[in-house]
């Protein structure tokens, strides 16, 4: 069965924008650097977000983080677009988009054992690169040289020592599937980028992100070729029924539980002997999407059950459930219009995707299932 998760770029991007917009000047207490050594403890958390009643500014974010770490979660992820980090050729703006995360938020929580940085030169279906590089092939010497310089600039920051994992690109199969002529140049770029991170940030594990559909059906050869150079294999997964290619063909119905969990088990087999991770995995609670709070909680419990053998073998790099809170009402509307998607189903999906309600902040049944699973894994 063909299904699609191409909508995920605005989901993750929207949350990142919302959170980054809350960061204001604050004291930076001393924190413990997360260890990148092998561990039995699983790195797991929901993607941090806020809700309607959250305190304004930085306090809203720290309140959310407080709630997460109090319930056993221990990993944090943030994303940076290359063009934001390098707004002009050779001129870096790391403070707002990178250093603030590593100095204002992360050090407050000694419970964090992992910090994941996503560097986006591909973001699902576009290339958020510096303007003068945005049309050059990925293997152009200028592109390779400038990305090396970006990695060097990041590595020169003392706070970069807190990073444990770096992802080069978000859902790269979305873009590469539309531009097959760029697969080989991106392979050269990716191999070079992995090597540079290893040189300048030793001990940091490097990977890239594929949608589950791309890994299994859409771009399996690109998946295999790129991940030859990866330290771990990363996926995004939402078990949505689709009737064909493209978001407009999606019915936005959650697939039957047995089918979803069987596909999840098959998906992680694609990682082979390498550790795997999820930067996004989730399940709507809305009846409009053929779901409910009970079904969402069942999916969460099933996720822990299906992945437990891999946990016991130490194969899980990290899991970031999507997300802590729902998306705010209205966030889905521009995207649905752009894609020609009927608004009711996609908006129901996005506005009921969280473990907790955006409107009230109250936990759903899936929140309790998630916390129970985390504590069982990391007790």
Protein backbone atom coordinates (compact mmCIF):
# COMPACT_ATOMS: atom_id res chain seq x y z
CA UNK A 1 0.00 0.00 0.00
CA UNK A 2 1.33 3.43 -0.94
CA UNK A 3 1.22 6.14 1.68
CA UNK A 4 2.76 9.55 1.89
CA UNK A 5 4.36 11.72 4.55
CA UNK A 6 5.43 14.65 2.40
CA UNK A 7 3.37 17.03 4.50
CA UNK A 8 5.83 16.76 7.37
CA UNK A 9 8.06 19.65 6.36
CA UNK A 10 5.57 22.30 7.46
CA UNK A 11 4.77 20.33 10.60
CA UNK A 12 8.33 20.21 11.91
CA UNK A 13 9.18 23.63 10.52
CA UNK A 14 6.18 25.25 12.17
CA UNK A 15 7.05 23.88 15.59
CA UNK A 16 10.66 24.97 15.20
CA UNK A 17 9.55 28.50 14.28
CA UNK A 18 7.14 28.68 17.20
CA UNK A 19 9.79 27.59 19.68
CA UNK A 20 12.60 29.70 18.28
CA UNK A 21 10.35 32.76 18.40
CA UNK A 22 10.01 32.31 22.16
CA UNK A 23 13.73 32.48 22.89
CA UNK A 24 14.72 35.71 24.60
CA UNK A 25 17.77 36.67 26.64
CA UNK A 26 18.15 34.59 29.77
CA UNK A 27 20.83 33.48 32.16
CA UNK A 28 22.69 30.32 31.15
CA UNK A 29 23.19 28.04 34.12
CA UNK A 30 25.96 25.52 34.00
CA UNK A 31 24.86 22.16 32.63
CA UNK A 32 26.30 18.70 32.14
CA UNK A 33 27.53 17.83 28.67
CA UNK A 34 25.51 14.91 27.28
CA UNK A 35 27.58 11.80 26.80
CA UNK A 36 27.95 10.27 23.33
CA UNK A 37 29.22 6.98 24.73
CA UNK A 38 27.26 3.80 24.30
CA UNK A 39 24.49 3.51 26.86
CA UNK A 40 21.69 1.21 27.87
CA UNK A 41 19.44 4.20 28.50
CA UNK A 42 17.31 5.00 25.45
CA UNK A 43 17.25 8.60 24.24
CA UNK A 44 13.54 9.38 23.95
CA UNK A 45 11.23 12.39 24.22
CA UNK A 46 8.33 14.09 22.49
CA UNK A 47 9.32 16.99 20.24
CA UNK A 48 9.04 19.94 22.60
CA UNK A 49 6.27 22.49 21.93
CA UNK A 50 3.92 24.80 23.82
CA UNK A 51 0.15 25.20 24.14
CA UNK A 52 -2.41 28.01 24.21
CA UNK A 53 -2.06 28.62 27.94
CA UNK A 54 1.73 28.44 28.07
CA UNK A 55 3.59 31.27 29.73
CA UNK A 56 4.91 33.77 27.19
CA UNK A 57 8.48 33.77 25.97
CA UNK A 58 11.29 31.62 27.23
CA UNK A 59 9.37 30.52 30.33
CA UNK A 60 6.78 28.74 28.20
CA UNK A 61 9.53 26.64 26.64
CA UNK A 62 11.23 25.88 29.94
CA UNK A 63 7.88 24.96 31.51
CA UNK A 64 7.42 22.42 28.71
CA UNK A 65 10.95 21.11 29.19
CA UNK A 66 10.42 20.87 32.95
CA UNK A 67 7.37 18.68 32.38
CA UNK A 68 9.25 16.45 29.97
CA UNK A 69 12.34 15.82 32.06
CA UNK A 70 10.22 15.29 35.19
CA UNK A 71 8.65 12.39 33.31
CA UNK A 72 11.90 10.74 32.29
CA UNK A 73 12.61 12.13 28.83
CA UNK A 74 16.24 12.80 28.04
CA UNK A 75 16.86 14.08 24.49
CA UNK A 76 16.33 17.38 22.71
CA UNK A 77 16.35 18.21 18.99
CA UNK A 78 16.46 21.48 17.11
CA UNK A 79 16.71 22.33 13.42
CA UNK A 80 18.70 24.96 11.51
CA UNK A 81 18.46 25.84 7.83
CA UNK A 82 21.80 26.37 6.12
CA UNK A 83 20.65 29.69 4.62
CA UNK A 84 19.79 31.00 8.10
CA UNK A 85 23.17 30.01 9.49
CA UNK A 86 24.99 31.58 6.52
CA UNK A 87 22.88 34.57 5.40
CA UNK A 88 25.72 35.92 3.24
CA UNK A 89 28.66 34.08 1.65
CA UNK A 90 31.14 33.21 4.37
CA UNK A 91 29.23 35.21 7.01
CA UNK A 92 27.75 33.08 9.77
CA UNK A 93 24.85 33.90 12.08
CA UNK A 94 25.02 31.07 14.59
CA UNK A 95 23.82 32.88 17.68
CA UNK A 96 20.08 33.05 17.02
CA UNK A 97 19.54 29.70 15.38
CA UNK A 98 22.15 27.47 17.03
CA UNK A 99 24.07 28.89 19.99
CA UNK A 100 20.96 30.07 21.84
CA UNK A 101 19.67 26.50 21.91
CA UNK A 102 22.98 25.14 23.18
CA UNK A 103 23.62 27.82 25.80
CA UNK A 104 20.19 29.06 26.96
CA UNK A 105 18.10 25.90 27.04
CA UNK A 106 20.16 22.71 26.97
CA UNK A 107 22.45 23.50 29.95
CA UNK A 108 19.45 23.99 32.23
CA UNK A 109 18.74 20.25 32.12
CA UNK A 110 21.35 17.79 33.32
CA UNK A 111 18.80 15.07 32.52
CA UNK A 112 19.48 15.52 28.81
CA UNK A 113 21.75 12.75 27.61
CA UNK A 114 21.40 13.55 23.91
CA UNK A 115 21.22 16.70 21.80
CA UNK A 116 20.29 16.30 18.13
CA UNK A 117 21.08 19.01 15.58
CA UNK A 118 19.34 18.90 12.21
CA UNK A 119 21.18 20.86 9.51
CA UNK A 120 18.86 21.45 6.58
CA UNK A 121 20.31 21.81 3.13
CA UNK A 122 17.32 19.76 1.97
CA UNK A 123 13.99 20.16 3.76
CA UNK A 124 11.57 17.65 2.22
CA UNK A 125 10.89 19.36 -1.11
CA UNK A 126 13.23 22.35 -1.27
CA UNK A 127 16.84 23.41 -0.71
CA UNK A 128 17.16 26.03 2.08
CA UNK A 129 20.74 26.87 1.12
CA UNK A 130 22.51 30.24 0.79
CA UNK A 131 21.06 32.05 -2.21
CA UNK A 132 24.27 32.00 -4.23
CA UNK A 133 24.51 28.21 -3.82
CA UNK A 134 20.86 27.27 -4.16
CA UNK A 135 21.03 26.34 -7.86
CA UNK A 136 24.51 24.82 -7.90
CA UNK A 137 24.94 21.04 -7.94
CA UNK A 138 25.51 19.53 -4.51
CA UNK A 139 28.94 18.30 -5.59
CA UNK A 140 30.06 21.70 -6.88
CA UNK A 141 33.42 22.53 -5.23
CA UNK A 142 32.03 25.81 -3.90
CA UNK A 143 29.13 24.00 -2.21
CA UNK A 144 31.43 21.41 -0.64
CA UNK A 145 33.91 24.06 0.51
CA UNK A 146 31.26 26.31 2.03
CA UNK A 147 29.60 23.46 3.91
CA UNK A 148 32.97 22.43 5.30
CA UNK A 149 33.39 26.02 6.51
CA UNK A 150 29.97 25.89 8.17
CA UNK A 151 30.89 22.70 10.04
CA UNK A 152 34.17 24.30 11.06
CA UNK A 153 32.33 27.36 12.40
CA UNK A 154 29.95 25.19 14.41
CA UNK A 155 32.81 23.08 15.77
CA UNK A 156 34.63 26.22 16.89
CA UNK A 157 31.79 27.05 19.29
CA UNK A 158 32.47 25.64 22.79
CA UNK A 159 28.78 24.83 23.16
CA UNK A 160 28.95 22.45 20.19
CA UNK A 161 30.45 19.89 22.57
CA UNK A 162 26.91 19.29 23.82
CA UNK A 163 25.81 17.89 20.44
CA UNK A 164 25.61 14.11 20.26
CA UNK A 165 23.95 13.57 16.85
CA UNK A 166 23.82 15.58 13.62
CA UNK A 167 21.36 15.00 10.79
CA UNK A 168 22.30 16.28 7.33
CA UNK A 169 19.01 17.06 5.61
CA UNK A 170 15.36 16.48 6.49
CA UNK A 171 13.31 13.92 4.53
CA UNK A 172 15.81 14.09 1.70
CA UNK A 173 13.89 11.55 -0.39
CA UNK A 174 11.15 14.14 -0.90
CA UNK A 175 13.47 16.43 -2.86
CA UNK A 176 15.65 13.76 -4.45
CA UNK A 177 12.60 11.86 -5.65
CA UNK A 178 11.54 14.96 -7.59
CA UNK A 179 15.09 15.60 -8.84
CA UNK A 180 16.68 12.19 -9.55
CA UNK A 181 19.55 13.83 -11.41
CA UNK A 182 20.69 15.27 -8.07
CA UNK A 183 20.95 11.94 -6.24
CA UNK A 184 24.56 11.27 -7.26
CA UNK A 185 25.77 14.82 -6.51
CA UNK A 186 24.04 14.71 -3.12
CA UNK A 187 25.72 11.39 -2.37
CA UNK A 188 29.09 13.09 -2.90
CA UNK A 189 27.99 16.01 -0.72
CA UNK A 190 26.70 13.73 2.04
CA UNK A 191 29.84 11.59 2.15
CA UNK A 192 31.95 14.73 2.37
CA UNK A 193 29.74 16.21 5.08
CA UNK A 194 29.85 13.07 7.21
CA UNK A 195 33.63 13.00 6.97
CA UNK A 196 33.89 16.68 7.93
CA UNK A 197 31.70 16.24 11.01
CA UNK A 198 33.75 13.23 12.07
CA UNK A 199 36.95 15.24 11.69
CA UNK A 200 35.82 18.41 13.44
CA UNK A 201 33.35 16.98 15.98
CA UNK A 202 34.76 13.57 16.91
CA UNK A 203 32.29 11.37 18.74
CA UNK A 204 29.23 12.96 17.13
CA UNK A 205 27.11 10.47 15.18
CA UNK A 206 25.88 11.53 11.73
CA UNK A 207 22.85 10.49 9.68
CA UNK A 208 20.17 11.80 7.34
CA UNK A 209 16.37 11.60 7.39
CA UNK A 210 14.11 9.57 5.10
CA UNK A 211 10.35 9.30 5.17
CA UNK A 212 9.18 5.77 5.83
CA UNK A 213 7.56 5.70 2.39
CA UNK A 214 10.78 6.78 0.72
CA UNK A 215 12.87 4.22 2.58
CA UNK A 216 10.55 1.35 1.73
CA UNK A 217 8.98 2.22 -1.61
CA UNK A 218 9.83 5.58 -3.13
CA UNK A 219 13.63 5.87 -3.01
CA UNK A 220 15.04 2.59 -1.67
CA UNK A 221 18.25 2.77 -3.73
CA UNK A 222 19.05 6.30 -2.56
CA UNK A 223 18.27 5.18 1.00
CA UNK A 224 20.76 2.32 0.75
CA UNK A 225 23.48 4.35 -0.97
CA UNK A 226 23.37 7.30 1.43
CA UNK A 227 23.19 5.20 4.55
CA UNK A 228 26.39 3.38 3.66
CA UNK A 229 28.06 6.47 5.14
CA UNK A 230 25.63 7.00 8.05
CA UNK A 231 26.38 6.18 11.66
CA UNK A 232 22.67 5.62 12.22
CA UNK A 233 19.52 5.49 10.06
CA UNK A 234 16.67 7.93 10.65
CA UNK A 235 13.00 7.88 9.65
CA UNK A 236 9.78 9.86 9.90
CA UNK A 237 6.62 7.76 10.20
CA UNK A 238 2.90 8.52 10.29
CA UNK A 239 0.67 5.55 9.32
CA UNK A 240 -1.74 7.38 7.01
CA UNK A 241 -3.82 5.78 4.28
CA UNK A 242 -3.38 7.26 0.80
CA UNK A 243 -5.05 6.48 -2.50
CA UNK A 244 -2.15 7.53 -4.69
CA UNK A 245 0.85 9.79 -4.99
CA UNK A 246 0.83 13.24 -3.43
CA UNK A 247 -0.84 14.86 -0.45
CA UNK A 248 -3.98 15.73 -2.39
CA UNK A 249 -4.63 12.00 -2.81
CA UNK A 250 -4.33 11.25 0.88
CA UNK A 251 -7.49 10.43 2.77
CA UNK A 252 -5.71 11.41 6.02
CA UNK A 253 -7.15 8.34 7.69
CA UNK A 254 -5.07 6.52 10.26
CA UNK A 255 -4.35 3.00 9.16
CA UNK A 256 -5.51 -0.07 11.10
CA UNK A 257 -3.38 -0.68 14.18
CA UNK A 258 -2.16 -4.17 13.29
CA UNK A 259 -1.12 -2.99 9.83
CA UNK A 260 0.61 0.11 11.19
CA UNK A 261 2.65 -1.75 13.76
CA UNK A 262 3.61 -4.48 11.28
CA UNK A 263 4.86 -1.79 8.92
CA UNK A 264 6.79 -0.18 11.78
CA UNK A 265 8.55 -3.48 12.43
CA UNK A 266 9.34 -3.86 8.73
CA UNK A 267 10.60 -0.30 8.56
CA UNK A 268 13.26 -0.73 11.23
CA UNK A 269 14.49 -3.83 9.41
CA UNK A 270 15.57 -1.44 6.64
CA UNK A 271 18.23 -0.10 9.00
CA UNK A 272 20.01 -3.45 8.88
CA UNK A 273 22.76 -3.70 11.48
CA UNK A 274 22.96 0.04 12.08
CA UNK A 275 21.25 1.88 14.94
CA UNK A 276 18.08 3.67 13.90
CA UNK A 277 16.11 6.68 15.08
CA UNK A 278 12.87 8.54 14.51
CA UNK A 279 12.86 12.31 14.27
CA UNK A 280 9.09 12.10 13.85
CA UNK A 281 6.60 9.36 14.65
CA UNK A 282 2.99 9.96 15.56
CA UNK A 283 -0.71 9.11 15.32
CA UNK A 284 -3.75 11.42 15.29
CA UNK A 285 -6.43 11.10 17.99
CA UNK A 286 -9.25 12.59 15.89
CA UNK A 287 -12.39 10.65 14.87
CA UNK A 288 -12.22 12.59 11.58
CA UNK A 289 -9.03 10.61 10.90
CA UNK A 290 -10.65 7.30 11.86
CA UNK A 291 -9.02 7.43 15.27
CA UNK A 292 -9.63 8.25 18.91
CA UNK A 293 -7.70 8.87 22.10
CA UNK A 294 -7.83 5.14 22.75
CA UNK A 295 -6.38 4.30 19.33
CA UNK A 296 -3.64 6.90 19.70
CA UNK A 297 -2.69 5.44 23.08
CA UNK A 298 -2.78 1.95 21.58
CA UNK A 299 -0.33 3.07 18.88
CA UNK A 300 2.03 4.49 21.50
CA UNK A 301 1.92 1.28 23.54
CA UNK A 302 2.41 -0.71 20.34
CA UNK A 303 5.42 1.41 19.39
CA UNK A 304 7.15 0.56 22.65
CA UNK A 305 6.25 -3.11 22.27
CA UNK A 306 7.41 -3.43 18.65
CA UNK A 307 10.69 -1.59 19.28
CA UNK A 308 11.53 -3.27 22.57
CA UNK A 309 13.66 -6.05 21.04
CA UNK A 310 15.73 -3.37 19.31
CA UNK A 311 16.05 -1.50 22.60
CA UNK A 312 17.37 -4.61 24.26
CA UNK A 313 19.97 -4.98 21.50
CA UNK A 314 21.02 -1.34 21.82
CA UNK A 315 19.90 -0.54 18.26
CA UNK A 316 17.87 2.61 19.02
CA UNK A 317 19.83 5.83 18.53
CA UNK A 318 16.92 8.01 19.72
CA UNK A 319 13.15 8.49 19.36
CA UNK A 320 11.44 11.87 19.07
CA UNK A 321 7.67 11.42 19.18
CA UNK A 322 5.71 14.05 17.27
CA UNK A 323 4.65 15.92 19.25
CA UNK A 324 4.20 17.11 22.82
CA UNK A 325 1.19 19.33 22.04
CA UNK A 326 -1.15 19.63 19.06
CA UNK A 327 -0.59 22.23 16.37
CA UNK A 328 -2.51 25.48 16.94
CA UNK A 329 -5.79 25.91 15.02
CA UNK A 330 -5.25 27.49 11.63
CA UNK A 331 -1.64 26.38 11.14
CA UNK A 332 -2.83 23.72 8.70
CA UNK A 333 -4.96 26.02 6.53
CA UNK A 334 -2.28 27.63 4.31
CA UNK A 335 -0.63 24.28 3.73
CA UNK A 336 -3.91 22.56 2.84
CA UNK A 337 -4.73 25.34 0.35
CA UNK A 338 -1.26 25.18 -1.19
CA UNK A 339 -1.45 21.42 -1.68
CA UNK A 340 -5.07 21.30 -2.77
CA UNK A 341 -5.88 19.05 0.19
CA UNK A 342 -9.38 19.03 1.70
CA UNK A 343 -8.97 21.02 4.89
CA UNK A 344 -11.12 19.09 7.35
CA UNK A 345 -9.09 15.87 7.46
CA UNK A 346 -5.61 17.39 7.44
CA UNK A 347 -6.56 20.00 10.02
CA UNK A 348 -8.07 17.32 12.24
CA UNK A 349 -4.82 15.39 11.89
CA UNK A 350 -2.54 18.27 12.81
CA UNK A 351 -4.77 19.61 15.57
CA UNK A 352 -5.02 16.21 17.29
CA UNK A 353 -1.49 14.88 16.78
CA UNK A 354 -0.10 15.80 20.17
CA UNK A 355 0.21 13.75 23.32
CA UNK A 356 -1.41 16.73 25.03
CA UNK A 357 -4.11 19.20 23.94
CA UNK A 358 -3.09 22.56 22.50
CA UNK A 359 -6.33 24.16 23.69
CA UNK A 360 -6.10 23.13 27.34
CA UNK A 361 -2.66 21.60 27.86
CA UNK A 362 -4.38 18.53 29.31
CA UNK A 363 -2.81 15.10 28.70
CA UNK A 364 -4.40 12.62 26.36
CA UNK A 365 -4.42 8.93 27.13
CA UNK A 366 -1.42 8.59 24.84
CA UNK A 367 0.60 10.86 27.16
CA UNK A 368 0.14 8.41 30.02
CA UNK A 369 1.05 5.53 27.70
CA UNK A 370 4.17 7.38 26.56
CA UNK A 371 5.34 8.23 30.08
CA UNK A 372 4.71 4.65 31.18
CA UNK A 373 6.75 3.34 28.25
CA UNK A 374 9.65 5.71 28.90
CA UNK A 375 9.84 4.79 32.57
CA UNK A 376 9.69 1.09 31.77
CA UNK A 377 12.53 1.39 29.27
CA UNK A 378 14.75 3.65 31.36
CA UNK A 379 13.96 2.67 34.93
